[in-house]
Amino acid sequence: MKNKGLLITTIIFFLTVNTTYYWEGKLGLFAFPAFLILTVIYLELGVLLIRQIYFLVREKFTDKTRLINIGLLTIVLTLTFLRPFGLIDFDKLEGDNVLVAEREGAANCMTTLKLKDDFTFSERSVCFGVTEIKGNYHLQNDTIYFDNVDVGRHENEFYKFAIIKPSKFNKDGKHFDLTRYESLTDTVGHELWITKNDLNKLKDKKPNR
């Protein structure tokens, strides 16, 4: 690989890794193959770094372009190893989480729902792929209603509302579930386990409509 091509590949790889937050949820079942490809590229860049160091030593450090490539590769590979999901936590930039609920299913599948303080929500599901659903919500008494839901191309529908209830599985009075319902006629619901609840912070706040 020529020096210019290596430089461009390194930069594209770095940008791809650091924008994972915005594209992984749109890939669905293709998210895991994409991560595997990134892993292969990471390993290939590691091999190329060793080769670049070898040639630089053999050339007695006379090639400045090669020296720049080695420096850039070292920085990118080190930062990717330390922060594999990117340097910036874009989730925090989009607002504080006032409620977080999650549940692990079969085959280590994980669903995580986050309600933001700006009355937006996102649900991320990792199960043989990554899917993400976003929308708005509003509170009415003890009920959370989901509005303007964008289910994307990998899902067909989403829950209409949710209610916080004492946990079914841990009845110590300190743990609660977020039970979501598909409609008013849904009597079963689907529980997520609440790990954070600061909805009281929204007491004097209203959604922008």
N, C-alpha and C. Protein backbone atom coordinates (compact mmCIF):
# COMPACT_ATOMS: atom_id res chain seq x y z
N MET A 1 0.86 -1.19 0.00
CA MET A 1 0.00 0.00 0.00
C MET A 1 0.90 1.25 0.00
N LYS A 2 0.66 2.15 -0.94
CA LYS A 2 1.46 3.36 -1.02
C LYS A 2 1.16 4.26 0.17
N ASN A 3 2.12 5.17 0.44
CA ASN A 3 2.01 6.03 1.62
C ASN A 3 0.73 6.86 1.62
N LYS A 4 0.37 7.41 0.44
CA LYS A 4 -0.83 8.25 0.36
C LYS A 4 -2.08 7.42 0.65
N GLY A 5 -2.14 6.23 0.08
CA GLY A 5 -3.29 5.35 0.30
C GLY A 5 -3.40 4.94 1.76
N LEU A 6 -2.26 4.68 2.39
CA LEU A 6 -2.25 4.31 3.80
C LEU A 6 -2.75 5.46 4.67
N LEU A 7 -2.34 6.67 4.32
CA LEU A 7 -2.77 7.86 5.08
C LEU A 7 -4.28 8.05 4.98
N ILE A 8 -4.81 7.92 3.77
CA ILE A 8 -6.26 8.09 3.55
C ILE A 8 -7.05 7.00 4.27
N THR A 9 -6.58 5.76 4.17
CA THR A 9 -7.27 4.63 4.83
C THR A 9 -7.29 4.82 6.35
N THR A 10 -6.19 5.27 6.90
CA THR A 10 -6.10 5.48 8.35
C THR A 10 -7.09 6.54 8.80
N ILE A 11 -7.18 7.64 8.05
CA ILE A 11 -8.11 8.72 8.41
C ILE A 11 -9.55 8.26 8.30
N ILE A 12 -9.89 7.55 7.21
CA ILE A 12 -11.26 7.05 7.03
C ILE A 12 -11.63 6.08 8.14
N PHE A 13 -10.72 5.20 8.49
CA PHE A 13 -10.96 4.24 9.58
C PHE A 13 -11.24 4.97 10.88
N PHE A 14 -10.43 5.97 11.19
CA PHE A 14 -10.59 6.73 12.43
C PHE A 14 -11.95 7.43 12.47
N LEU A 15 -12.34 8.05 11.37
CA LEU A 15 -13.62 8.76 11.31
C LEU A 15 -14.79 7.78 11.42
N THR A 16 -14.67 6.62 10.79
CA THR A 16 -15.73 5.61 10.86
C THR A 16 -15.94 5.12 12.28
N VAL A 17 -14.86 4.81 12.98
CA VAL A 17 -14.95 4.34 14.36
C VAL A 17 -15.57 5.40 15.26
N ASN A 18 -15.20 6.65 15.04
CA ASN A 18 -15.64 7.73 15.93
C ASN A 18 -17.03 8.27 15.59
N THR A 19 -17.65 7.74 14.56
CA THR A 19 -19.04 8.12 14.24
C THR A 19 -19.97 6.91 14.35
N THR A 20 -19.50 5.86 15.04
CA THR A 20 -20.30 4.64 15.21
C THR A 20 -21.69 4.94 15.78
N TYR A 21 -21.76 5.88 16.69
CA TYR A 21 -23.02 6.22 17.36
C TYR A 21 -24.13 6.54 16.36
N TYR A 22 -23.76 7.14 15.23
CA TYR A 22 -24.75 7.62 14.28
C TYR A 22 -25.12 6.60 13.20
N TRP A 23 -24.27 5.61 12.97
CA TRP A 23 -24.60 4.70 11.87
C TRP A 23 -24.89 3.26 12.27
N GLU A 24 -24.43 2.82 13.45
CA GLU A 24 -24.59 1.41 13.78
C GLU A 24 -26.05 0.99 13.89
N GLY A 25 -26.92 1.88 14.44
CA GLY A 25 -28.32 1.54 14.62
C GLY A 25 -29.11 1.46 13.34
N LYS A 26 -28.55 1.98 12.25
CA LYS A 26 -29.25 1.96 10.96
C LYS A 26 -28.93 0.71 10.15
N LEU A 27 -27.93 -0.06 10.58
CA LEU A 27 -27.50 -1.22 9.80
C LEU A 27 -28.27 -2.49 10.13
N GLY A 28 -28.88 -2.55 11.31
CA GLY A 28 -29.61 -3.76 11.68
C GLY A 28 -28.69 -4.97 11.73
N LEU A 29 -29.05 -6.03 10.99
CA LEU A 29 -28.27 -7.27 10.99
C LEU A 29 -26.89 -7.09 10.37
N PHE A 30 -26.70 -6.00 9.63
CA PHE A 30 -25.41 -5.78 8.98
C PHE A 30 -24.41 -5.10 9.91
N ALA A 31 -24.83 -4.77 11.15
CA ALA A 31 -23.93 -4.07 12.08
C ALA A 31 -22.75 -4.96 12.49
N PHE A 32 -23.02 -6.22 12.80
CA PHE A 32 -21.94 -7.11 13.23
C PHE A 32 -20.93 -7.38 12.12
N PRO A 33 -21.38 -7.66 10.87
CA PRO A 33 -20.39 -7.78 9.79
C PRO A 33 -19.56 -6.51 9.62
N ALA A 34 -20.18 -5.36 9.81
CA ALA A 34 -19.44 -4.10 9.70
C ALA A 34 -18.37 -4.00 10.77
N PHE A 35 -18.70 -4.43 12.01
CA PHE A 35 -17.72 -4.41 13.09
C PHE A 35 -16.58 -5.40 12.81
N LEU A 36 -16.91 -6.54 12.21
CA LEU A 36 -15.88 -7.52 11.88
C LEU A 36 -14.92 -6.95 10.83
N ILE A 37 -15.49 -6.24 9.87
CA ILE A 37 -14.65 -5.61 8.84
C ILE A 37 -13.72 -4.58 9.45
N LEU A 38 -14.26 -3.78 10.38
CA LEU A 38 -13.43 -2.78 11.06
C LEU A 38 -12.32 -3.46 11.87
N THR A 39 -12.63 -4.60 12.48
CA THR A 39 -11.62 -5.33 13.25
C THR A 39 -10.50 -5.82 12.33
N VAL A 40 -10.89 -6.34 11.17
CA VAL A 40 -9.88 -6.81 10.20
C VAL A 40 -9.01 -5.65 9.73
N ILE A 41 -9.65 -4.52 9.44
CA ILE A 41 -8.87 -3.34 9.02
C ILE A 41 -7.93 -2.90 10.12
N TYR A 42 -8.39 -2.93 11.36
CA TYR A 42 -7.55 -2.55 12.50
C TYR A 42 -6.30 -3.43 12.56
N LEU A 43 -6.49 -4.74 12.40
CA LEU A 43 -5.36 -5.67 12.45
C LEU A 43 -4.42 -5.45 11.28
N GLU A 44 -4.99 -5.19 10.09
CA GLU A 44 -4.16 -4.93 8.92
C GLU A 44 -3.34 -3.66 9.10
N LEU A 45 -3.96 -2.64 9.68
CA LEU A 45 -3.22 -1.40 9.94
C LEU A 45 -2.09 -1.65 10.94
N GLY A 46 -2.33 -2.53 11.89
CA GLY A 46 -1.28 -2.88 12.85
C GLY A 46 -0.09 -3.53 12.16
N VAL A 47 -0.38 -4.44 11.21
CA VAL A 47 0.69 -5.09 10.45
C VAL A 47 1.44 -4.08 9.60
N LEU A 48 0.69 -3.17 8.98
CA LEU A 48 1.31 -2.14 8.14
C LEU A 48 2.16 -1.19 8.97
N LEU A 49 1.75 -0.94 10.21
CA LEU A 49 2.56 -0.09 11.09
C LEU A 49 3.92 -0.74 11.34
N ILE A 50 3.92 -2.05 11.60
CA ILE A 50 5.19 -2.76 11.82
C ILE A 50 6.07 -2.68 10.57
N ARG A 51 5.45 -2.85 9.40
CA ARG A 51 6.22 -2.77 8.15
C ARG A 51 6.80 -1.38 7.94
N GLN A 52 5.99 -0.36 8.25
CA GLN A 52 6.45 1.01 8.08
C GLN A 52 7.64 1.30 9.01
N ILE A 53 7.58 0.80 10.22
CA ILE A 53 8.69 0.98 11.16
C ILE A 53 9.94 0.27 10.63
N TYR A 54 9.75 -0.93 10.08
CA TYR A 54 10.88 -1.69 9.54
C TYR A 54 11.57 -0.92 8.41
N PHE A 55 10.76 -0.41 7.46
CA PHE A 55 11.34 0.32 6.34
C PHE A 55 11.99 1.63 6.79
N LEU A 56 11.38 2.27 7.80
CA LEU A 56 11.94 3.53 8.29
C LEU A 56 13.33 3.32 8.91
N VAL A 57 13.46 2.23 9.66
CA VAL A 57 14.75 1.92 10.27
C VAL A 57 15.77 1.58 9.18
N ARG A 58 15.33 0.80 8.18
CA ARG A 58 16.23 0.42 7.10
C ARG A 58 16.69 1.63 6.29
N GLU A 59 15.80 2.62 6.18
CA GLU A 59 16.13 3.85 5.44
C GLU A 59 16.82 4.88 6.33
N LYS A 60 17.11 4.49 7.58
CA LYS A 60 17.80 5.35 8.54
C LYS A 60 17.05 6.66 8.79
N PHE A 61 15.70 6.54 8.86
CA PHE A 61 14.82 7.64 9.26
C PHE A 61 14.91 8.84 8.30
N THR A 62 15.13 8.57 7.04
CA THR A 62 15.27 9.67 6.06
C THR A 62 13.96 10.02 5.37
N ASP A 63 12.95 9.12 5.42
CA ASP A 63 11.68 9.36 4.73
C ASP A 63 10.70 10.04 5.69
N LYS A 64 10.50 11.33 5.52
CA LYS A 64 9.63 12.10 6.43
C LYS A 64 8.16 11.69 6.28
N THR A 65 7.75 11.37 5.05
CA THR A 65 6.37 10.94 4.83
C THR A 65 6.07 9.66 5.59
N ARG A 66 7.02 8.74 5.55
CA ARG A 66 6.84 7.48 6.28
C ARG A 66 6.77 7.74 7.79
N LEU A 67 7.56 8.68 8.24
CA LEU A 67 7.57 9.03 9.67
C LEU A 67 6.21 9.59 10.09
N ILE A 68 5.60 10.42 9.22
CA ILE A 68 4.26 10.97 9.50
C ILE A 68 3.23 9.85 9.56
N ASN A 69 3.31 8.92 8.62
CA ASN A 69 2.37 7.80 8.59
C ASN A 69 2.48 6.96 9.87
N ILE A 70 3.71 6.72 10.30
CA ILE A 70 3.92 5.93 11.51
C ILE A 70 3.32 6.64 12.72
N GLY A 71 3.54 7.96 12.80
CA GLY A 71 2.99 8.72 13.92
C GLY A 71 1.48 8.69 13.93
N LEU A 72 0.87 8.89 12.74
CA LEU A 72 -0.59 8.88 12.64
C LEU A 72 -1.15 7.50 12.96
N LEU A 73 -0.55 6.46 12.40
CA LEU A 73 -1.01 5.10 12.65
C LEU A 73 -0.93 4.75 14.14
N THR A 74 0.15 5.14 14.76
CA THR A 74 0.33 4.84 16.19
C THR A 74 -0.76 5.51 17.02
N ILE A 75 -1.04 6.78 16.71
CA ILE A 75 -2.07 7.51 17.45
C ILE A 75 -3.44 6.89 17.25
N VAL A 76 -3.80 6.61 15.97
CA VAL A 76 -5.12 6.07 15.65
C VAL A 76 -5.32 4.68 16.27
N LEU A 77 -4.34 3.81 16.13
CA LEU A 77 -4.47 2.46 16.66
C LEU A 77 -4.52 2.46 18.19
N THR A 78 -3.75 3.33 18.81
CA THR A 78 -3.75 3.41 20.28
C THR A 78 -5.08 3.94 20.80
N LEU A 79 -5.59 5.03 20.17
CA LEU A 79 -6.86 5.60 20.61
C LEU A 79 -8.01 4.64 20.37
N THR A 80 -7.96 3.90 19.26
CA THR A 80 -9.02 2.93 18.97
C THR A 80 -9.00 1.79 19.97
N PHE A 81 -7.82 1.38 20.37
CA PHE A 81 -7.70 0.32 21.38
C PHE A 81 -8.25 0.78 22.72
N LEU A 82 -7.95 2.03 23.09
CA LEU A 82 -8.39 2.55 24.39
C LEU A 82 -9.85 2.95 24.38
N ARG A 83 -10.33 3.48 23.24
CA ARG A 83 -11.73 3.94 23.12
C ARG A 83 -12.35 3.36 21.86
N PRO A 84 -12.67 2.05 21.87
CA PRO A 84 -13.16 1.38 20.65
C PRO A 84 -14.49 1.90 20.13
N PHE A 85 -15.25 2.63 20.96
CA PHE A 85 -16.53 3.18 20.51
C PHE A 85 -16.43 4.67 20.22
N GLY A 86 -15.22 5.19 20.15
CA GLY A 86 -15.04 6.59 19.78
C GLY A 86 -14.62 7.45 20.96
N LEU A 87 -14.02 8.57 20.65
CA LEU A 87 -13.51 9.47 21.68
C LEU A 87 -14.61 10.29 22.34
N ILE A 88 -15.69 10.56 21.59
CA ILE A 88 -16.75 11.44 22.08
C ILE A 88 -17.98 10.62 22.45
N ASP A 89 -18.55 10.89 23.61
CA ASP A 89 -19.80 10.26 24.02
C ASP A 89 -20.95 11.11 23.49
N PHE A 90 -21.39 10.81 22.27
CA PHE A 90 -22.44 11.61 21.63
C PHE A 90 -23.76 11.49 22.37
N ASP A 91 -23.97 10.38 23.07
CA ASP A 91 -25.21 10.20 23.82
C ASP A 91 -25.35 11.30 24.88
N LYS A 92 -24.27 11.64 25.57
CA LYS A 92 -24.32 12.69 26.58
C LYS A 92 -24.53 14.06 25.96
N LEU A 93 -24.01 14.26 24.76
CA LEU A 93 -24.18 15.55 24.09
C LEU A 93 -25.63 15.81 23.70
N GLU A 94 -26.41 14.75 23.58
CA GLU A 94 -27.81 14.89 23.18
C GLU A 94 -28.74 15.11 24.37
N GLY A 95 -28.18 15.25 25.57
CA GLY A 95 -29.01 15.53 26.75
C GLY A 95 -28.80 14.52 27.85
N ASP A 96 -29.28 14.89 29.04
CA ASP A 96 -29.16 13.99 30.19
C ASP A 96 -30.25 12.92 30.17
N ASN A 97 -29.89 11.74 30.61
CA ASN A 97 -30.87 10.66 30.72
C ASN A 97 -31.65 10.82 32.03
N VAL A 98 -32.98 10.92 31.92
CA VAL A 98 -33.79 11.00 33.14
C VAL A 98 -34.37 9.64 33.51
N LEU A 99 -34.35 8.72 32.57
CA LEU A 99 -34.77 7.35 32.87
C LEU A 99 -34.03 6.40 31.94
N VAL A 100 -33.48 5.35 32.52
CA VAL A 100 -32.81 4.30 31.75
C VAL A 100 -33.38 2.97 32.20
N ALA A 101 -33.81 2.17 31.23
CA ALA A 101 -34.35 0.84 31.53
C ALA A 101 -33.80 -0.14 30.51
N GLU A 102 -33.53 -1.36 30.97
CA GLU A 102 -32.94 -2.33 30.06
C GLU A 102 -33.37 -3.74 30.44
N ARG A 103 -33.10 -4.64 29.51
CA ARG A 103 -33.41 -6.04 29.78
C ARG A 103 -32.57 -6.92 28.87
N GLU A 104 -32.01 -7.96 29.48
CA GLU A 104 -31.23 -8.93 28.71
C GLU A 104 -32.11 -10.13 28.40
N GLY A 105 -32.12 -10.50 27.14
CA GLY A 105 -32.94 -11.62 26.72
C GLY A 105 -32.11 -12.84 26.41
N ALA A 106 -32.69 -13.73 25.60
CA ALA A 106 -31.98 -14.95 25.22
C ALA A 106 -30.78 -14.61 24.35
N ALA A 107 -29.77 -15.47 24.37
CA ALA A 107 -28.56 -15.32 23.57
C ALA A 107 -27.85 -13.99 23.83
N ASN A 108 -27.97 -13.51 25.08
CA ASN A 108 -27.32 -12.25 25.49
C ASN A 108 -27.82 -11.03 24.72
N CYS A 109 -29.02 -11.11 24.17
CA CYS A 109 -29.60 -9.95 23.50
C CYS A 109 -29.93 -8.89 24.55
N MET A 110 -29.66 -7.65 24.24
CA MET A 110 -29.87 -6.57 25.20
C MET A 110 -30.67 -5.44 24.58
N THR A 111 -31.71 -5.01 25.30
CA THR A 111 -32.51 -3.86 24.90
C THR A 111 -32.36 -2.77 25.95
N THR A 112 -32.03 -1.55 25.50
CA THR A 112 -31.84 -0.43 26.42
C THR A 112 -32.67 0.76 25.95
N LEU A 113 -33.52 1.26 26.84
CA LEU A 113 -34.36 2.42 26.54
C LEU A 113 -33.88 3.60 27.38
N LYS A 114 -33.71 4.76 26.73
CA LYS A 114 -33.27 5.97 27.43
C LYS A 114 -34.24 7.12 27.15
N LEU A 115 -34.73 7.73 28.21
CA LEU A 115 -35.55 8.93 28.08
C LEU A 115 -34.69 10.13 28.42
N LYS A 116 -34.64 11.11 27.51
CA LYS A 116 -33.81 12.29 27.71
C LYS A 116 -34.60 13.42 28.36
N ASP A 117 -33.86 14.40 28.90
CA ASP A 117 -34.52 15.52 29.57
C ASP A 117 -35.16 16.50 28.60
N ASP A 118 -34.96 16.30 27.29
CA ASP A 118 -35.61 17.17 26.30
C ASP A 118 -36.83 16.48 25.69
N PHE A 119 -37.30 15.43 26.37
CA PHE A 119 -38.50 14.69 25.97
C PHE A 119 -38.32 13.93 24.66
N THR A 120 -37.11 13.48 24.40
CA THR A 120 -36.85 12.55 23.31
C THR A 120 -36.42 11.22 23.94
N PHE A 121 -36.55 10.14 23.19
CA PHE A 121 -36.14 8.84 23.69
C PHE A 121 -35.45 8.06 22.59
N SER A 122 -34.69 7.06 22.99
CA SER A 122 -34.09 6.14 22.03
C SER A 122 -34.08 4.75 22.65
N GLU A 123 -34.33 3.76 21.82
CA GLU A 123 -34.25 2.37 22.25
C GLU A 123 -33.23 1.66 21.36
N ARG A 124 -32.24 1.07 21.97
CA ARG A 124 -31.19 0.38 21.24
C ARG A 124 -31.26 -1.11 21.56
N SER A 125 -31.36 -1.92 20.54
CA SER A 125 -31.43 -3.37 20.72
C SER A 125 -30.24 -4.01 20.04
N VAL A 126 -29.52 -4.83 20.80
CA VAL A 126 -28.38 -5.56 20.26
C VAL A 126 -28.71 -7.03 20.32
N CYS A 127 -28.96 -7.63 19.16
CA CYS A 127 -29.34 -9.04 19.09
C CYS A 127 -29.08 -9.54 17.67
N PHE A 128 -27.92 -10.15 17.46
CA PHE A 128 -27.49 -10.58 16.12
C PHE A 128 -27.48 -9.40 15.15
N GLY A 129 -27.34 -8.22 15.68
CA GLY A 129 -27.36 -6.99 14.91
C GLY A 129 -27.69 -5.84 15.85
N VAL A 130 -27.72 -4.63 15.33
CA VAL A 130 -28.03 -3.46 16.15
C VAL A 130 -29.14 -2.67 15.48
N THR A 131 -30.22 -2.41 16.24
CA THR A 131 -31.30 -1.57 15.74
C THR A 131 -31.57 -0.45 16.74
N GLU A 132 -32.04 0.66 16.24
CA GLU A 132 -32.32 1.80 17.11
C GLU A 132 -33.63 2.46 16.69
N ILE A 133 -34.45 2.75 17.68
CA ILE A 133 -35.73 3.42 17.48
C ILE A 133 -35.70 4.73 18.25
N LYS A 134 -36.13 5.81 17.62
CA LYS A 134 -36.12 7.11 18.28
C LYS A 134 -37.48 7.77 18.17
N GLY A 135 -37.71 8.75 19.05
CA GLY A 135 -38.97 9.48 19.01
C GLY A 135 -39.06 10.46 20.16
N ASN A 136 -40.28 10.90 20.44
CA ASN A 136 -40.54 11.80 21.56
C ASN A 136 -41.45 11.10 22.57
N TYR A 137 -41.58 11.70 23.72
CA TYR A 137 -42.50 11.17 24.72
C TYR A 137 -43.07 12.33 25.53
N HIS A 138 -44.19 12.08 26.18
CA HIS A 138 -44.72 13.06 27.12
C HIS A 138 -45.32 12.31 28.31
N LEU A 139 -45.41 13.00 29.42
CA LEU A 139 -45.90 12.41 30.67
C LEU A 139 -47.32 12.88 30.95
N GLN A 140 -48.14 11.95 31.37
CA GLN A 140 -49.51 12.29 31.78
C GLN A 140 -49.83 11.46 33.02
N ASN A 141 -49.83 12.15 34.17
CA ASN A 141 -49.97 11.46 35.45
C ASN A 141 -48.83 10.45 35.62
N ASP A 142 -49.15 9.17 35.75
CA ASP A 142 -48.11 8.17 35.95
C ASP A 142 -47.80 7.38 34.67
N THR A 143 -48.23 7.92 33.53
CA THR A 143 -48.07 7.21 32.26
C THR A 143 -47.12 7.96 31.33
N ILE A 144 -46.27 7.22 30.65
CA ILE A 144 -45.36 7.76 29.65
C ILE A 144 -45.90 7.39 28.27
N TYR A 145 -46.21 8.38 27.46
CA TYR A 145 -46.71 8.15 26.11
C TYR A 145 -45.61 8.41 25.09
N PHE A 146 -45.49 7.52 24.12
CA PHE A 146 -44.47 7.65 23.09
C PHE A 146 -45.09 8.30 21.84
N ASP A 147 -44.42 9.35 21.34
CA ASP A 147 -44.95 10.12 20.20
C ASP A 147 -43.92 10.18 19.07
N ASN A 148 -44.43 10.43 17.87
CA ASN A 148 -43.56 10.68 16.71
C ASN A 148 -42.43 9.65 16.61
N VAL A 149 -42.80 8.39 16.71
CA VAL A 149 -41.80 7.33 16.76
C VAL A 149 -41.29 7.00 15.36
N ASP A 150 -39.97 6.97 15.23
CA ASP A 150 -39.32 6.57 13.98
C ASP A 150 -38.76 5.17 14.19
N VAL A 151 -39.47 4.17 13.67
CA VAL A 151 -39.06 2.78 13.89
C VAL A 151 -37.98 2.35 12.91
N GLY A 152 -37.69 3.15 11.90
CA GLY A 152 -36.69 2.76 10.92
C GLY A 152 -37.20 1.66 10.02
N ARG A 153 -36.28 1.08 9.25
CA ARG A 153 -36.69 0.06 8.27
C ARG A 153 -36.61 -1.36 8.82
N HIS A 154 -36.11 -1.51 10.06
CA HIS A 154 -35.92 -2.85 10.60
C HIS A 154 -37.02 -3.26 11.57
N GLU A 155 -37.92 -2.33 11.92
CA GLU A 155 -39.01 -2.64 12.83
C GLU A 155 -40.32 -2.17 12.22
N ASN A 156 -41.43 -2.74 12.68
CA ASN A 156 -42.74 -2.39 12.13
C ASN A 156 -43.53 -1.44 13.02
N GLU A 157 -43.43 -1.59 14.32
CA GLU A 157 -44.21 -0.76 15.23
C GLU A 157 -43.51 -0.66 16.58
N PHE A 158 -44.03 0.22 17.42
CA PHE A 158 -43.46 0.43 18.74
C PHE A 158 -44.59 0.52 19.76
N TYR A 159 -44.24 0.51 21.00
CA TYR A 159 -45.23 0.57 22.07
C TYR A 159 -45.88 1.96 22.13
N LYS A 160 -47.13 1.98 22.57
CA LYS A 160 -47.88 3.24 22.64
C LYS A 160 -47.61 4.00 23.94
N PHE A 161 -47.49 3.27 25.05
CA PHE A 161 -47.28 3.93 26.33
C PHE A 161 -46.61 2.96 27.31
N ALA A 162 -46.20 3.51 28.45
CA ALA A 162 -45.52 2.68 29.46
C ALA A 162 -45.88 3.18 30.86
N ILE A 163 -45.82 2.28 31.82
CA ILE A 163 -46.13 2.61 33.22
C ILE A 163 -45.04 2.02 34.12
N ILE A 164 -44.65 2.77 35.12
CA ILE A 164 -43.66 2.29 36.08
C ILE A 164 -44.38 1.50 37.18
N LYS A 165 -43.90 0.27 37.41
CA LYS A 165 -44.52 -0.61 38.40
C LYS A 165 -43.44 -1.24 39.28
N PRO A 166 -43.82 -1.66 40.49
CA PRO A 166 -42.87 -2.40 41.32
C PRO A 166 -42.36 -3.63 40.59
N SER A 167 -41.11 -3.95 40.79
CA SER A 167 -40.48 -5.05 40.07
C SER A 167 -41.17 -6.38 40.34
N LYS A 168 -41.33 -7.17 39.28
CA LYS A 168 -41.89 -8.51 39.41
C LYS A 168 -40.89 -9.48 40.02
N PHE A 169 -39.62 -9.19 39.79
CA PHE A 169 -38.58 -10.16 40.13
C PHE A 169 -37.83 -9.82 41.40
N ASN A 170 -37.89 -8.57 41.82
CA ASN A 170 -37.21 -8.15 43.04
C ASN A 170 -38.19 -7.34 43.88
N LYS A 171 -38.85 -8.00 44.80
CA LYS A 171 -39.95 -7.39 45.54
C LYS A 171 -39.51 -6.81 46.88
N ASP A 172 -38.42 -6.02 46.83
CA ASP A 172 -37.96 -5.39 48.06
C ASP A 172 -38.45 -3.96 48.20
N GLY A 173 -39.26 -3.52 47.23
CA GLY A 173 -39.81 -2.16 47.27
C GLY A 173 -38.86 -1.10 46.77
N LYS A 174 -37.65 -1.51 46.35
CA LYS A 174 -36.65 -0.56 45.89
C LYS A 174 -36.38 -0.66 44.38
N HIS A 175 -36.91 -1.70 43.77
CA HIS A 175 -36.67 -1.91 42.34
C HIS A 175 -37.99 -1.81 41.58
N PHE A 176 -37.90 -1.25 40.36
CA PHE A 176 -39.11 -1.01 39.57
C PHE A 176 -38.90 -1.42 38.11
N ASP A 177 -40.02 -1.75 37.47
CA ASP A 177 -40.02 -2.11 36.06
C ASP A 177 -40.71 -1.01 35.26
N LEU A 178 -40.29 -0.86 34.02
CA LEU A 178 -41.02 -0.02 33.08
C LEU A 178 -41.79 -0.97 32.17
N THR A 179 -43.10 -1.05 32.38
CA THR A 179 -43.93 -1.96 31.60
C THR A 179 -44.53 -1.22 30.43
N ARG A 180 -44.24 -1.70 29.23
CA ARG A 180 -44.69 -1.03 28.00
C ARG A 180 -45.84 -1.81 27.37
N TYR A 181 -46.76 -1.06 26.79
CA TYR A 181 -47.95 -1.67 26.19
C TYR A 181 -48.11 -1.23 24.74
N GLU A 182 -48.54 -2.18 23.90
CA GLU A 182 -48.72 -1.88 22.48
C GLU A 182 -50.01 -1.13 22.21
N SER A 183 -51.00 -1.29 23.09
CA SER A 183 -52.29 -0.62 22.91
C SER A 183 -53.06 -0.67 24.22
N LEU A 184 -54.22 -0.03 24.25
CA LEU A 184 -55.05 -0.04 25.45
C LEU A 184 -55.60 -1.42 25.75
N THR A 185 -55.65 -2.28 24.71
CA THR A 185 -56.18 -3.63 24.91
C THR A 185 -55.08 -4.63 25.27
N ASP A 186 -53.86 -4.16 25.31
CA ASP A 186 -52.73 -5.02 25.68
C ASP A 186 -52.72 -5.18 27.21
N THR A 187 -52.98 -6.37 27.68
CA THR A 187 -53.04 -6.61 29.13
C THR A 187 -51.79 -7.31 29.67
N VAL A 188 -50.87 -7.63 28.78
CA VAL A 188 -49.66 -8.36 29.19
C VAL A 188 -48.50 -7.40 29.39
N GLY A 189 -48.20 -6.64 28.35
CA GLY A 189 -47.10 -5.68 28.42
C GLY A 189 -45.74 -6.35 28.34
N HIS A 190 -44.72 -5.53 28.31
CA HIS A 190 -43.34 -6.01 28.25
C HIS A 190 -42.49 -5.19 29.20
N GLU A 191 -41.82 -5.87 30.13
CA GLU A 191 -41.08 -5.15 31.16
C GLU A 191 -39.62 -4.93 30.80
N LEU A 192 -39.15 -3.75 31.17
CA LEU A 192 -37.72 -3.45 31.18
C LEU A 192 -37.36 -3.10 32.62
N TRP A 193 -36.15 -3.40 33.02
CA TRP A 193 -35.73 -3.17 34.40
C TRP A 193 -35.11 -1.78 34.51
N ILE A 194 -35.68 -0.96 35.34
CA ILE A 194 -35.22 0.42 35.49
C ILE A 194 -33.92 0.48 36.28
N THR A 195 -32.91 1.10 35.68
CA THR A 195 -31.62 1.25 36.35
C THR A 195 -31.37 2.70 36.77
N LYS A 196 -32.16 3.62 36.24
CA LYS A 196 -32.06 5.03 36.64
C LYS A 196 -33.41 5.69 36.45
N ASN A 197 -33.84 6.45 37.43
CA ASN A 197 -35.12 7.15 37.33
C ASN A 197 -35.01 8.53 37.97
N ASP A 198 -34.89 9.55 37.13
CA ASP A 198 -34.87 10.93 37.58
C ASP A 198 -35.99 11.73 36.91
N LEU A 199 -37.11 11.06 36.69
CA LEU A 199 -38.24 11.74 36.03
C LEU A 199 -38.75 12.92 36.85
N ASN A 200 -38.47 12.92 38.13
CA ASN A 200 -38.92 14.03 38.97
C ASN A 200 -38.29 15.36 38.54
N LYS A 201 -37.19 15.28 37.80
CA LYS A 201 -36.54 16.50 37.30
C LYS A 201 -37.39 17.20 36.25
N LEU A 202 -38.37 16.48 35.69
CA LEU A 202 -39.22 17.05 34.65
C LEU A 202 -40.52 17.61 35.22
N LYS A 203 -40.62 17.69 36.53
CA LYS A 203 -41.87 18.10 37.18
C LYS A 203 -42.37 19.44 36.66
N ASP A 204 -41.49 20.41 36.50
CA ASP A 204 -41.88 21.75 36.06
C ASP A 204 -41.48 22.03 34.62
N LYS A 205 -41.24 20.97 33.89
CA LYS A 205 -40.78 21.13 32.51
C LYS A 205 -41.79 20.53 31.55
N LYS A 206 -42.00 21.18 30.43
CA LYS A 206 -42.96 20.70 29.44
C LYS A 206 -42.26 20.52 28.10
N PRO A 207 -42.70 19.53 27.32
CA PRO A 207 -42.07 19.30 26.02
C PRO A 207 -42.36 20.46 25.07
N ASN A 208 -41.40 20.72 24.17
CA ASN A 208 -41.60 21.75 23.15
C ASN A 208 -42.37 21.13 22.00
N ARG A 209 -43.49 21.74 21.67
CA ARG A 209 -44.32 21.20 20.57
C ARG A 209 -44.56 22.27 19.53
